[in-house]
Amino acid sequence: MIFSMPINIPNLLTLIRIVLIPVIILLHSLEYIYASLFVLGFALLTDFFDGYFARRLKQETEFGAIFDPIADKIVAICFYGYLFLTDLVPVWFAWIILMRNFSQLMSVPILIWWLKKKFYVRPSWFAKWATAISDFFIFIPLYLTIPENFTIPIMVIISLMESYILMNYLPRLFQIATDRHDTFE
C-alpha cells in the first residue's frame, strides 16, 4: 500500500528534508544566517542522497518513488512562499514556481484518493535539473546580495523551465486520470 512508509534510509532522508523546512525558515527569520545556511544545504543534499541510497542499497519502493517528489514540491512551496512573503523574490517568479509545484502536489491526493488511480513517477532529466536549479536558486535571495540585473535573467530561465514542465505535466495528468497512461515523466 502506498500510504505505509517503509522505514529505510532513503525514506528517512526524504522525511528529514520535510521536517527541516520550518527549522530553516525559523533560523533564517531569527537571523541565524549561517545556521540556516548549513541546515538548508544539508536538507537539499538529502534530495540527492535519498535517490542514491535507494538505488545503491536496493531500497527503492513504490512509496519512496512518490514520497520524494512530494517532498520536492513541499520544499519549493514552503521556500518560495517564504521568499515571496519576505519580498526576496518578485510575485511573478514566485507565482510560476508555486503554481507548478502546488498543481503537481495536489494531483497526488486527487489521483490516489478521489479517482483511485495507481500511477508511477519517473522524472525526466530535464525535470530533475530544473528542480536542482530551482533549489539552488533559493540560496541566492536568502544569503547573497546580488544585483537584479544578474538575478532577473536566472529567474526568467527558471520560470521558462518551470512553465515547460507544467505544460507537459497537465496533459499527462489528464491521460492518467482517464486511464490512457500510468506514469508521470
Foldseek 3Di string as FASTA:
>chain_A
DLPPDDDDDLVVLLVLLQVCLVVLLVCLVVPVQVVSVVSLVSSVVSLVVSVVCCVVVVVDDQNSQVSSLLSLLSNLLSLLVSCVVVVLDDPVLSVLSNVLSVVVNVLVCCVCPVLVFAAGEDDDPLVVVLSVLSSVCSCPSSPHDDDPVVVVVSSVVSSVSSVVLSVVQVVVSVCRSVVNHGYHD
